[in-house]
N, C-alpha and C. Protein backbone atom coordinates (compact mmCIF):
# COMPACT_ATOMS: atom_id res chain seq x y z
N MET A 1 50.35 136.76 143.47
CA MET A 1 51.76 137.44 144.04
C MET A 1 50.78 138.95 143.87
N GLY A 2 50.91 139.66 145.19
CA GLY A 2 50.62 140.58 145.28
C GLY A 2 51.33 141.89 145.07
N PHE A 3 51.21 143.27 145.38
CA PHE A 3 51.69 144.23 144.93
C PHE A 3 53.05 144.18 145.44
N LEU A 4 52.98 144.03 146.71
CA LEU A 4 54.37 144.18 147.42
C LEU A 4 55.50 143.58 147.15
N GLU A 5 54.83 141.90 146.72
CA GLU A 5 55.97 141.16 146.30
C GLU A 5 56.60 141.77 144.78
N ILE A 6 55.76 141.73 143.93
CA ILE A 6 55.90 142.66 142.52
C ILE A 6 56.93 143.81 142.57
N PHE A 7 56.26 144.72 143.39
CA PHE A 7 56.94 145.71 143.72
C PHE A 7 58.84 145.63 144.11
N LEU A 8 58.97 144.36 145.16
CA LEU A 8 60.25 144.03 145.83
C LEU A 8 61.14 143.51 144.72
N ILE A 9 60.34 142.72 143.55
CA ILE A 9 60.46 142.15 142.46
C ILE A 9 61.55 143.16 141.57
N GLY A 10 60.21 144.25 141.54
CA GLY A 10 61.02 145.30 140.57
C GLY A 10 62.12 146.35 141.46
N VAL A 11 62.04 146.48 142.64
CA VAL A 11 63.53 146.88 143.17
C VAL A 11 64.61 145.92 143.03
N GLY A 12 64.69 144.96 143.00
CA GLY A 12 65.68 143.84 143.00
C GLY A 12 66.35 143.96 141.59
N LEU A 13 65.09 143.96 140.54
CA LEU A 13 65.81 144.07 139.14
C LEU A 13 66.31 145.17 138.63
N SER A 14 65.90 146.51 139.25
CA SER A 14 66.00 147.92 139.13
C SER A 14 67.42 148.10 139.40
N MET A 15 68.14 147.19 140.39
CA MET A 15 69.26 147.55 140.99
C MET A 15 70.84 147.85 140.11
N ASP A 16 70.89 146.92 138.98
CA ASP A 16 71.74 147.37 138.03
C ASP A 16 71.51 148.58 137.07
N ALA A 17 70.25 148.69 136.77
CA ALA A 17 69.87 149.71 136.30
C ALA A 17 70.40 151.10 137.26
N PHE A 18 69.95 151.02 138.50
CA PHE A 18 70.26 152.13 139.21
C PHE A 18 71.68 152.04 139.89
N ALA A 19 72.71 150.96 139.43
CA ALA A 19 73.98 151.18 139.46
C ALA A 19 74.62 151.97 138.20
N VAL A 20 73.93 151.84 137.14
CA VAL A 20 74.62 152.43 135.74
C VAL A 20 74.01 154.12 136.06
N ALA A 21 72.53 154.09 136.40
CA ALA A 21 72.40 155.74 136.40
C ALA A 21 73.42 156.25 137.92
N VAL A 22 73.57 155.98 138.77
CA VAL A 22 74.79 156.20 139.42
C VAL A 22 75.80 156.83 138.87
N GLY A 23 76.56 155.72 137.93
CA GLY A 23 77.57 155.95 137.41
C GLY A 23 77.51 157.41 136.38
N LYS A 24 76.38 157.48 135.74
CA LYS A 24 75.99 158.56 134.81
C LYS A 24 75.61 159.92 135.59
N GLY A 25 75.02 159.67 136.59
CA GLY A 25 75.16 161.16 137.77
C GLY A 25 76.17 161.41 138.01
N LEU A 26 77.58 160.43 138.37
CA LEU A 26 78.55 160.96 138.62
C LEU A 26 79.49 161.75 137.92
N SER A 27 79.50 161.21 136.65
CA SER A 27 80.00 162.08 135.54
C SER A 27 79.45 163.27 134.93
N MET A 28 78.39 163.51 135.51
CA MET A 28 77.56 164.87 135.23
C MET A 28 78.05 165.94 136.13
N LYS A 29 78.64 167.21 135.87
CA LYS A 29 79.28 168.28 136.61
C LYS A 29 77.60 168.89 137.50
N LYS A 30 76.93 168.68 136.71
CA LYS A 30 75.54 169.11 137.10
C LYS A 30 74.17 168.66 136.38
N VAL A 31 73.25 167.95 137.18
CA VAL A 31 72.08 167.28 136.76
C VAL A 31 71.38 168.02 135.64
N ASN A 32 71.38 167.35 134.32
CA ASN A 32 70.72 167.67 133.10
C ASN A 32 69.34 166.63 133.13
N MET A 33 68.52 167.64 133.36
CA MET A 33 67.20 166.85 133.76
C MET A 33 66.60 166.18 132.37
N ARG A 34 66.91 166.26 131.31
CA ARG A 34 66.45 165.88 130.12
C ARG A 34 67.29 164.68 130.19
N HIS A 35 68.71 164.92 130.31
CA HIS A 35 69.42 163.49 130.14
C HIS A 35 69.07 162.71 131.32
N CYS A 36 68.75 163.08 132.39
CA CYS A 36 68.44 162.22 133.35
C CYS A 36 67.00 161.27 132.96
N LEU A 37 66.03 162.14 132.59
CA LEU A 37 64.74 161.68 131.92
C LEU A 37 64.98 160.33 130.91
N ILE A 38 65.58 160.61 129.89
CA ILE A 38 65.97 159.96 128.74
C ILE A 38 66.73 159.04 129.41
N ILE A 39 67.84 158.72 130.46
CA ILE A 39 68.24 157.21 131.22
C ILE A 39 67.21 156.83 131.59
N ALA A 40 66.25 157.28 132.49
CA ALA A 40 65.40 156.67 133.29
C ALA A 40 64.13 155.88 132.21
N MET A 41 63.94 156.77 131.31
CA MET A 41 63.07 155.91 130.46
C MET A 41 63.80 154.75 129.42
N PHE A 42 65.02 154.68 129.34
CA PHE A 42 65.53 153.79 128.49
C PHE A 42 65.07 152.58 129.36
N PHE A 43 65.54 152.66 130.72
CA PHE A 43 66.04 151.61 131.59
C PHE A 43 64.50 151.19 131.88
N GLY A 44 63.43 151.98 132.44
CA GLY A 44 62.38 151.60 132.90
C GLY A 44 61.40 151.00 131.48
N GLY A 45 61.82 151.55 130.18
CA GLY A 45 61.02 151.00 129.43
C GLY A 45 61.38 149.54 129.10
N PHE A 46 62.86 149.46 129.20
CA PHE A 46 63.17 148.11 128.59
C PHE A 46 62.80 146.81 130.15
N GLN A 47 63.07 147.38 130.97
CA GLN A 47 62.53 146.93 132.37
C GLN A 47 61.05 146.42 132.30
N ALA A 48 59.90 147.25 131.75
CA ALA A 48 58.83 146.78 131.46
C ALA A 48 58.57 145.65 130.56
N LEU A 49 59.06 145.88 129.34
CA LEU A 49 58.86 145.16 128.23
C LEU A 49 59.65 143.81 128.10
N MET A 50 60.69 143.77 129.01
CA MET A 50 61.47 142.09 129.03
C MET A 50 60.35 140.96 129.89
N PRO A 51 59.96 141.47 130.99
CA PRO A 51 59.16 140.45 131.55
C PRO A 51 57.87 139.99 130.60
N ILE A 52 57.19 141.08 129.88
CA ILE A 52 56.00 140.86 128.90
C ILE A 52 56.64 139.75 127.83
N ILE A 53 57.95 139.88 127.16
CA ILE A 53 58.17 139.31 126.37
C ILE A 53 58.66 137.89 126.72
N GLY A 54 59.05 137.90 128.30
CA GLY A 54 59.35 136.17 128.85
C GLY A 54 58.14 135.68 129.19
N PHE A 55 57.15 136.94 129.81
CA PHE A 55 55.71 135.78 130.25
C PHE A 55 55.33 135.31 128.74
N PHE A 56 55.26 135.57 127.68
CA PHE A 56 54.54 135.21 126.58
C PHE A 56 55.32 133.95 126.10
N LEU A 57 56.71 134.20 126.19
CA LEU A 57 57.57 132.70 125.90
C LEU A 57 57.19 131.52 127.03
N GLY A 58 57.08 131.92 128.23
CA GLY A 58 56.71 131.00 129.18
C GLY A 58 55.42 130.36 129.34
N SER A 59 54.50 131.31 128.59
CA SER A 59 53.21 130.87 128.36
C SER A 59 52.82 129.69 127.59
N THR A 60 53.71 129.82 126.32
CA THR A 60 53.69 128.72 125.42
C THR A 60 54.13 127.45 126.01
N PHE A 61 54.91 127.15 126.83
CA PHE A 61 55.21 126.00 127.55
C PHE A 61 54.65 125.75 129.22
N ALA A 62 54.00 126.69 129.60
CA ALA A 62 53.51 126.56 130.77
C ALA A 62 52.43 125.27 131.33
N LYS A 63 51.78 124.93 130.49
CA LYS A 63 50.83 123.72 130.31
C LYS A 63 51.76 122.39 130.55
N TYR A 64 52.89 122.36 129.74
CA TYR A 64 53.86 121.00 129.95
C TYR A 64 54.39 120.91 130.96
N ILE A 65 54.46 122.17 132.02
CA ILE A 65 55.59 121.97 133.39
C ILE A 65 54.73 122.12 134.48
N GLU A 66 53.47 122.33 134.47
CA GLU A 66 52.78 122.97 135.66
C GLU A 66 53.36 122.24 136.79
N ALA A 67 53.43 121.00 137.20
CA ALA A 67 53.98 120.22 138.26
C ALA A 67 55.16 120.77 138.79
N VAL A 68 56.13 121.18 138.19
CA VAL A 68 57.39 122.08 138.60
C VAL A 68 57.42 123.54 138.14
N ASP A 69 56.36 124.09 138.13
CA ASP A 69 56.62 125.43 137.51
C ASP A 69 57.17 126.05 138.82
N HIS A 70 56.73 125.93 140.20
CA HIS A 70 57.56 126.40 141.23
C HIS A 70 59.19 126.15 141.20
N TRP A 71 59.52 125.12 141.12
CA TRP A 71 60.75 125.18 141.12
C TRP A 71 61.60 125.64 140.11
N ILE A 72 60.94 125.96 139.11
CA ILE A 72 61.70 126.94 137.76
C ILE A 72 61.54 128.23 138.06
N ALA A 73 60.62 128.76 138.88
CA ALA A 73 60.31 130.32 139.26
C ALA A 73 61.21 130.43 140.39
N PHE A 74 61.82 129.36 141.36
CA PHE A 74 62.60 129.68 142.29
C PHE A 74 64.10 129.59 141.89
N PHE A 75 64.44 128.62 140.94
CA PHE A 75 65.58 128.38 140.31
C PHE A 75 65.76 129.70 139.68
N LEU A 76 65.19 130.33 138.47
CA LEU A 76 65.26 131.35 138.19
C LEU A 76 65.76 132.94 139.01
N LEU A 77 64.92 133.00 140.04
CA LEU A 77 65.13 134.11 140.94
C LEU A 77 66.36 133.74 141.67
N LEU A 78 66.58 132.61 142.11
CA LEU A 78 67.57 132.04 142.60
C LEU A 78 69.02 132.42 141.86
N TYR A 79 69.02 132.10 140.79
CA TYR A 79 69.85 132.30 139.58
C TYR A 79 70.42 133.72 139.38
N ILE A 80 69.20 134.49 138.98
CA ILE A 80 69.30 135.98 139.12
C ILE A 80 69.88 136.69 140.43
N GLY A 81 69.32 136.38 141.53
CA GLY A 81 69.99 137.04 142.74
C GLY A 81 71.14 136.82 142.81
N GLY A 82 71.49 135.46 142.80
CA GLY A 82 72.92 135.19 142.86
C GLY A 82 73.81 135.74 142.37
N LYS A 83 73.77 135.72 140.76
CA LYS A 83 74.33 136.59 139.96
C LYS A 83 74.45 137.96 140.25
N MET A 84 73.55 138.62 140.57
CA MET A 84 73.58 139.99 141.34
C MET A 84 74.29 140.11 142.49
N LEU A 85 74.39 139.16 143.30
CA LEU A 85 75.22 138.97 144.39
C LEU A 85 76.81 139.25 144.11
N VAL A 86 76.92 138.14 143.04
CA VAL A 86 78.31 138.20 142.64
C VAL A 86 79.08 139.38 142.08
N ASP A 87 78.05 139.64 141.11
CA ASP A 87 78.51 140.87 140.42
C ASP A 87 78.84 141.99 141.23
N GLY A 88 77.48 142.29 142.50
CA GLY A 88 78.02 143.54 142.91
C GLY A 88 79.27 143.35 143.93
N ILE A 89 79.67 142.05 144.52
CA ILE A 89 81.08 142.09 145.18
C ILE A 89 81.98 142.08 144.19
N ARG A 90 82.05 141.30 142.94
CA ARG A 90 83.20 141.87 141.92
C ARG A 90 83.53 143.04 141.76
N ASP A 91 82.26 143.94 141.50
CA ASP A 91 82.68 145.29 141.06
C ASP A 91 82.99 146.03 141.78
N GLU A 92 82.74 145.82 143.31
CA GLU A 92 83.36 146.43 144.42
C GLU A 92 84.71 146.53 144.52
N VAL A 93 85.27 145.26 144.25
CA VAL A 93 86.85 145.03 144.34
C VAL A 93 87.50 145.79 143.00
N GLU A 94 86.67 145.87 141.83
CA GLU A 94 87.16 146.22 140.45
C GLU A 94 87.15 147.78 140.99
N GLU A 95 85.92 148.35 141.40
CA GLU A 95 85.81 149.97 141.72
C GLU A 95 86.87 150.51 142.21
N ARG A 96 87.56 149.64 143.54
CA ARG A 96 88.60 150.23 144.25
C ARG A 96 89.75 150.27 143.57
N ARG A 97 90.11 149.18 142.59
CA ARG A 97 91.16 148.93 141.97
C ARG A 97 91.23 150.59 141.03
N GLU A 98 89.88 150.78 140.22
CA GLU A 98 89.74 152.00 139.63
C GLU A 98 89.98 153.30 140.00
N GLU A 99 89.31 153.37 141.29
CA GLU A 99 89.80 154.61 142.09
C GLU A 99 91.20 155.19 142.48
N GLU A 100 91.80 153.45 142.49
CA GLU A 100 93.74 153.63 143.13
C GLU A 100 94.25 154.32 141.82
N ALA A 101 93.84 153.73 140.79
CA ALA A 101 94.36 154.22 139.30
C ALA A 101 94.14 155.66 139.20
N LEU A 102 92.83 156.07 139.19
CA LEU A 102 92.32 157.58 139.18
C LEU A 102 93.63 158.55 140.38
N GLU A 103 93.81 157.94 141.54
CA GLU A 103 94.14 158.66 142.39
C GLU A 103 95.56 158.79 141.95
N GLU A 104 95.81 157.64 141.72
CA GLU A 104 97.75 158.19 141.21
C GLU A 104 97.84 159.18 139.79
N LYS A 105 96.96 159.40 139.15
CA LYS A 105 96.66 160.56 138.24
C LYS A 105 96.45 161.55 138.60
N GLY A 106 96.08 161.97 140.08
CA GLY A 106 95.33 163.07 140.59
C GLY A 106 94.14 163.52 140.19
N LEU A 107 93.38 162.57 139.50
CA LEU A 107 92.07 162.80 139.38
C LEU A 107 90.95 162.14 140.15
N THR A 108 89.58 162.49 140.05
CA THR A 108 88.79 161.66 140.45
C THR A 108 87.42 161.22 139.80
N GLU A 109 86.39 160.37 139.66
CA GLU A 109 85.58 159.96 138.80
C GLU A 109 84.68 161.33 138.37
N ALA A 110 84.78 162.38 139.22
CA ALA A 110 83.92 163.60 138.67
C ALA A 110 84.62 164.28 137.62
N ASP A 111 85.91 164.16 137.63
CA ASP A 111 86.58 164.65 136.79
C ASP A 111 86.59 164.51 135.06
N LEU A 112 85.92 163.27 135.09
CA LEU A 112 85.46 162.56 133.78
C LEU A 112 84.24 163.09 133.26
N THR A 113 84.47 163.35 131.68
CA THR A 113 83.40 163.78 130.96
C THR A 113 81.99 163.25 130.78
N PHE A 114 81.23 163.56 130.88
CA PHE A 114 79.98 163.20 130.47
C PHE A 114 79.37 163.15 128.90
N ALA A 115 79.00 162.27 128.55
CA ALA A 115 78.34 162.32 127.06
C ALA A 115 77.18 161.47 126.95
N LEU A 116 76.05 161.57 126.73
CA LEU A 116 75.00 160.52 126.69
C LEU A 116 74.92 159.94 125.00
N ASP A 117 75.58 158.84 125.00
CA ASP A 117 75.20 158.45 123.85
C ASP A 117 74.43 157.30 123.76
N ILE A 118 73.44 157.68 122.76
CA ILE A 118 72.22 156.89 122.66
C ILE A 118 72.63 155.02 122.55
N ARG A 119 73.19 154.87 121.60
CA ARG A 119 73.21 153.61 121.35
C ARG A 119 73.92 152.88 122.74
N GLU A 120 74.95 153.30 123.02
CA GLU A 120 75.53 152.97 124.43
C GLU A 120 74.58 152.87 125.60
N LEU A 121 73.56 153.90 125.45
CA LEU A 121 72.51 153.38 126.82
C LEU A 121 71.49 152.32 126.16
N PHE A 122 71.07 152.22 124.97
CA PHE A 122 70.59 151.22 124.39
C PHE A 122 71.03 149.75 125.00
N VAL A 123 71.95 149.43 124.65
CA VAL A 123 72.98 148.51 125.08
C VAL A 123 72.74 148.23 126.46
N MET A 124 72.97 149.21 127.10
CA MET A 124 72.82 149.06 128.69
C MET A 124 71.68 148.82 129.30
N ALA A 125 70.44 149.37 128.64
CA ALA A 125 69.31 149.17 128.85
C ALA A 125 68.97 147.81 128.84
N VAL A 126 69.40 146.98 127.84
CA VAL A 126 69.12 145.78 127.09
C VAL A 126 69.59 144.83 128.15
N ALA A 127 70.99 145.13 128.36
CA ALA A 127 71.90 144.31 129.09
C ALA A 127 71.39 144.31 130.58
N THR A 128 70.68 145.30 131.14
CA THR A 128 70.36 145.65 132.54
C THR A 128 68.68 144.77 132.48
N SER A 129 68.41 144.67 131.70
CA SER A 129 67.09 144.05 131.91
C SER A 129 66.73 142.65 131.35
N ILE A 130 68.09 141.95 131.17
CA ILE A 130 67.73 140.34 130.58
C ILE A 130 67.65 139.71 131.51
N ASP A 131 67.38 139.93 133.24
CA ASP A 131 66.92 138.98 134.22
C ASP A 131 65.85 139.25 134.05
N ALA A 132 65.20 140.49 134.02
CA ALA A 132 63.63 140.88 133.72
C ALA A 132 62.83 139.76 132.96
N LEU A 133 63.63 139.33 131.82
CA LEU A 133 62.87 138.21 130.77
C LEU A 133 62.56 137.18 131.59
N ALA A 134 63.52 136.89 132.26
CA ALA A 134 63.39 135.73 133.01
C ALA A 134 62.88 135.25 134.01
N VAL A 135 62.48 136.50 134.93
CA VAL A 135 61.32 136.72 135.58
C VAL A 135 59.92 136.80 135.34
N GLY A 136 59.65 137.28 134.03
CA GLY A 136 58.72 137.41 133.29
C GLY A 136 58.24 135.67 132.88
N VAL A 137 59.25 135.01 132.37
CA VAL A 137 58.87 133.41 132.30
C VAL A 137 58.39 133.08 133.49
N SER A 138 59.13 133.23 134.78
CA SER A 138 58.59 132.75 136.02
C SER A 138 56.88 133.42 136.17
N PHE A 139 56.98 134.49 136.00
CA PHE A 139 55.51 134.93 136.19
C PHE A 139 54.41 134.14 135.31
N SER A 140 54.93 133.52 134.23
CA SER A 140 53.84 132.87 133.50
C SER A 140 53.43 131.32 133.98
N PHE A 141 54.47 131.20 134.83
CA PHE A 141 54.08 129.87 135.71
C PHE A 141 53.48 130.20 136.77
N LEU A 142 53.32 131.44 137.47
CA LEU A 142 52.81 131.69 138.48
C LEU A 142 51.62 132.11 138.28
N ARG A 143 50.97 132.53 137.16
CA ARG A 143 49.77 133.03 136.41
C ARG A 143 49.76 134.24 136.91
N VAL A 144 50.78 135.21 136.90
CA VAL A 144 50.71 136.71 137.66
C VAL A 144 49.65 137.48 136.23
N SER A 145 49.34 138.62 136.37
CA SER A 145 48.80 139.35 135.40
C SER A 145 49.80 140.26 134.97
N ILE A 146 50.20 140.10 133.86
CA ILE A 146 51.45 140.40 133.46
C ILE A 146 51.54 141.83 132.90
N PHE A 147 50.82 142.67 132.71
CA PHE A 147 50.86 143.87 132.06
C PHE A 147 50.73 144.77 133.47
N PRO A 148 49.66 144.56 134.81
CA PRO A 148 49.91 145.32 135.46
C PRO A 148 51.60 145.34 136.30
N ALA A 149 52.20 144.04 136.26
CA ALA A 149 53.08 143.71 136.94
C ALA A 149 54.67 144.45 135.96
N ALA A 150 54.38 144.21 135.10
CA ALA A 150 55.48 144.98 134.20
C ALA A 150 55.74 146.57 134.32
N SER A 151 53.97 146.93 134.20
CA SER A 151 54.14 148.30 134.71
C SER A 151 54.74 149.11 135.94
N ILE A 152 54.36 148.07 136.89
CA ILE A 152 54.74 148.43 138.11
C ILE A 152 56.34 147.83 138.20
N ILE A 153 57.43 147.19 137.64
CA ILE A 153 58.66 147.17 137.62
C ILE A 153 59.31 148.03 136.59
N GLY A 154 58.51 148.50 135.39
CA GLY A 154 58.81 149.81 134.74
C GLY A 154 58.86 150.94 135.38
N ILE A 155 57.79 151.38 136.35
CA ILE A 155 57.80 152.47 136.97
C ILE A 155 58.89 152.65 137.85
N THR A 156 58.81 151.37 138.73
CA THR A 156 59.95 151.31 140.06
C THR A 156 61.47 151.47 139.31
N THR A 157 61.76 151.02 138.28
CA THR A 157 63.18 151.10 137.52
C THR A 157 63.03 152.51 137.16
N PHE A 158 62.15 153.30 136.57
CA PHE A 158 62.50 154.72 135.98
C PHE A 158 62.59 155.67 137.36
N LEU A 159 61.89 155.44 138.15
CA LEU A 159 62.02 156.44 139.72
C LEU A 159 63.55 156.08 140.10
N LEU A 160 63.87 154.69 140.28
CA LEU A 160 65.04 154.60 140.95
C LEU A 160 66.13 154.97 140.13
N SER A 161 65.88 154.67 138.51
CA SER A 161 67.05 155.28 138.03
C SER A 161 67.21 157.03 137.93
N VAL A 162 66.15 157.57 138.16
CA VAL A 162 65.98 159.12 138.19
C VAL A 162 66.85 159.36 139.63
N GLY A 163 66.52 158.53 140.45
CA GLY A 163 67.17 158.68 141.86
C GLY A 163 68.50 158.78 141.82
N GLY A 164 68.79 157.39 140.89
CA GLY A 164 70.44 157.05 140.76
C GLY A 164 71.27 158.28 140.10
N VAL A 165 70.67 158.62 139.26
CA VAL A 165 71.45 160.00 138.60
C VAL A 165 71.88 161.03 139.50
N PHE A 166 70.92 161.59 140.65
CA PHE A 166 70.75 162.40 141.29
C PHE A 166 71.87 162.13 142.57
N ILE A 167 71.44 160.77 142.79
CA ILE A 167 72.42 160.37 144.16
C ILE A 167 74.12 160.22 143.64
N GLY A 168 74.49 159.85 142.05
CA GLY A 168 75.80 159.46 141.91
C GLY A 168 76.13 161.14 141.59
N ASN A 169 75.23 162.28 141.29
CA ASN A 169 75.87 163.43 141.45
C ASN A 169 76.22 164.03 142.58
N LEU A 170 75.46 163.49 143.63
CA LEU A 170 75.60 164.41 145.00
C LEU A 170 76.35 163.61 145.90
N PHE A 171 76.57 162.07 145.62
CA PHE A 171 77.41 161.36 146.81
C PHE A 171 78.32 160.46 146.01
N GLY A 172 78.36 160.36 144.72
CA GLY A 172 79.25 159.25 144.27
C GLY A 172 78.70 157.83 144.05
N THR A 173 79.87 157.00 144.12
CA THR A 173 79.30 155.29 143.48
C THR A 173 79.43 154.73 144.81
N ARG A 174 79.48 155.49 146.22
CA ARG A 174 79.95 154.31 147.35
C ARG A 174 78.91 153.46 147.45
N TYR A 175 77.77 153.84 146.95
CA TYR A 175 76.60 152.70 147.29
C TYR A 175 75.76 152.12 146.29
N LYS A 176 76.71 151.90 145.23
CA LYS A 176 75.84 151.54 144.10
C LYS A 176 75.68 149.60 143.94
N ASN A 177 77.28 149.55 144.65
CA ASN A 177 77.48 148.03 144.57
C ASN A 177 76.75 147.56 145.66
N LYS A 178 76.60 148.13 146.87
CA LYS A 178 75.60 147.74 147.97
C LYS A 178 74.25 147.33 147.53
N ALA A 179 73.48 148.54 146.74
CA ALA A 179 72.44 148.36 146.05
C ALA A 179 72.29 146.92 145.44
N THR A 180 73.14 146.94 144.49
CA THR A 180 73.33 145.44 143.66
C THR A 180 72.99 144.28 144.58
N ILE A 181 74.02 144.31 145.48
CA ILE A 181 74.00 143.18 146.39
C ILE A 181 72.64 142.83 147.16
N ALA A 182 71.94 144.30 147.70
CA ALA A 182 70.93 143.95 148.59
C ALA A 182 69.61 143.70 147.44
N GLY A 183 69.81 144.06 146.13
CA GLY A 183 68.62 143.48 145.09
C GLY A 183 68.98 142.00 144.93
N GLY A 184 69.79 141.64 144.73
CA GLY A 184 70.27 140.12 144.65
C GLY A 184 69.48 139.19 145.53
N ILE A 185 69.75 139.77 147.14
CA ILE A 185 69.21 139.61 148.53
C ILE A 185 67.55 139.24 148.20
N ILE A 186 67.05 140.32 147.80
CA ILE A 186 65.61 140.54 147.91
C ILE A 186 65.18 139.31 146.72
N LEU A 187 65.92 139.02 145.48
CA LEU A 187 64.97 138.26 144.90
C LEU A 187 65.17 136.84 145.20
N ILE A 188 66.48 136.61 145.99
CA ILE A 188 66.62 135.25 146.28
C ILE A 188 65.68 134.84 147.38
N ILE A 189 64.89 135.99 148.46
CA ILE A 189 64.26 135.70 149.61
C ILE A 189 62.83 135.42 148.93
N ILE A 190 62.38 136.29 147.96
CA ILE A 190 61.14 136.05 146.99
C ILE A 190 60.93 134.71 146.64
N GLY A 191 62.20 134.42 145.82
CA GLY A 191 62.17 132.84 145.24
C GLY A 191 62.17 131.92 146.37
N LEU A 192 62.49 132.01 147.39
CA LEU A 192 62.11 130.96 148.41
C LEU A 192 61.02 131.04 149.11
N ARG A 193 60.54 132.04 149.27
CA ARG A 193 58.95 132.26 149.77
C ARG A 193 58.27 131.50 148.58
N ILE A 194 58.02 131.75 147.20
CA ILE A 194 57.28 131.05 146.39
C ILE A 194 57.44 129.66 146.51
N LEU A 195 58.67 129.27 146.46
CA LEU A 195 58.88 127.61 146.63
C LEU A 195 58.14 126.90 147.94
N LEU A 196 58.37 127.46 148.93
CA LEU A 196 57.86 127.61 150.40
C LEU A 196 56.34 127.19 150.32
N SER A 197 56.03 128.41 149.70
CA SER A 197 54.33 128.50 149.80
C SER A 197 53.67 127.48 148.88
N HIS A 198 54.31 127.15 147.94
CA HIS A 198 54.02 125.69 147.45
C HIS A 198 53.93 124.20 147.93
N LEU A 199 55.59 124.28 148.56
CA LEU A 199 55.57 122.79 149.14
C LEU A 199 54.93 123.00 150.34
N LEU A 200 54.85 123.72 150.89
CA LEU A 200 54.22 123.89 152.64
C LEU A 200 52.67 124.39 152.66
N GLY A 201 52.35 124.77 151.59
CA GLY A 201 50.91 125.33 151.30
C GLY A 201 50.59 126.47 152.09
N TRP A 202 51.54 127.43 152.39
CA TRP A 202 51.41 128.53 152.88
C TRP A 202 50.54 129.69 152.13
């Protein structure tokens, strides 16, 4: 698996973190760089750590399931990508309801106060990086060099999270669910490519 594929997986995985970062940016009257970097470090750090954990968990069992490893990698990426698609579409509907509720009160999301809660940030960073754990398991089956791959995923998430804060502060949340849907599609396509490359010898 080359740099481009790992980078695209990193983009796909980081879309949940990106969506949360957009929401955080929207809540800031003005972007606070210290808060922005803390948010990005939490998301990027956990997004790098989880594939490493998943990789070593998967390595324990890899030798027993070599014959079907490509199917496992495919179904893991299909599940993660499909889940992101469903979540993105569902959140789009829920977001419209929340906007309508705020409009009834004469408010916008930008009127909500921002506070950086480290414990909440920790929970969100873990929650948005669980999918990366499963990807780490698939990396072990595909014999990907895990530390460079995890670094690419972590750095990609860090940069997109920083961008998400600025985009949220500037434009609002109109693109965050579309980004999650796009991330899901990316992971599904990569899963298909992995499966077809093994079955057809590409």
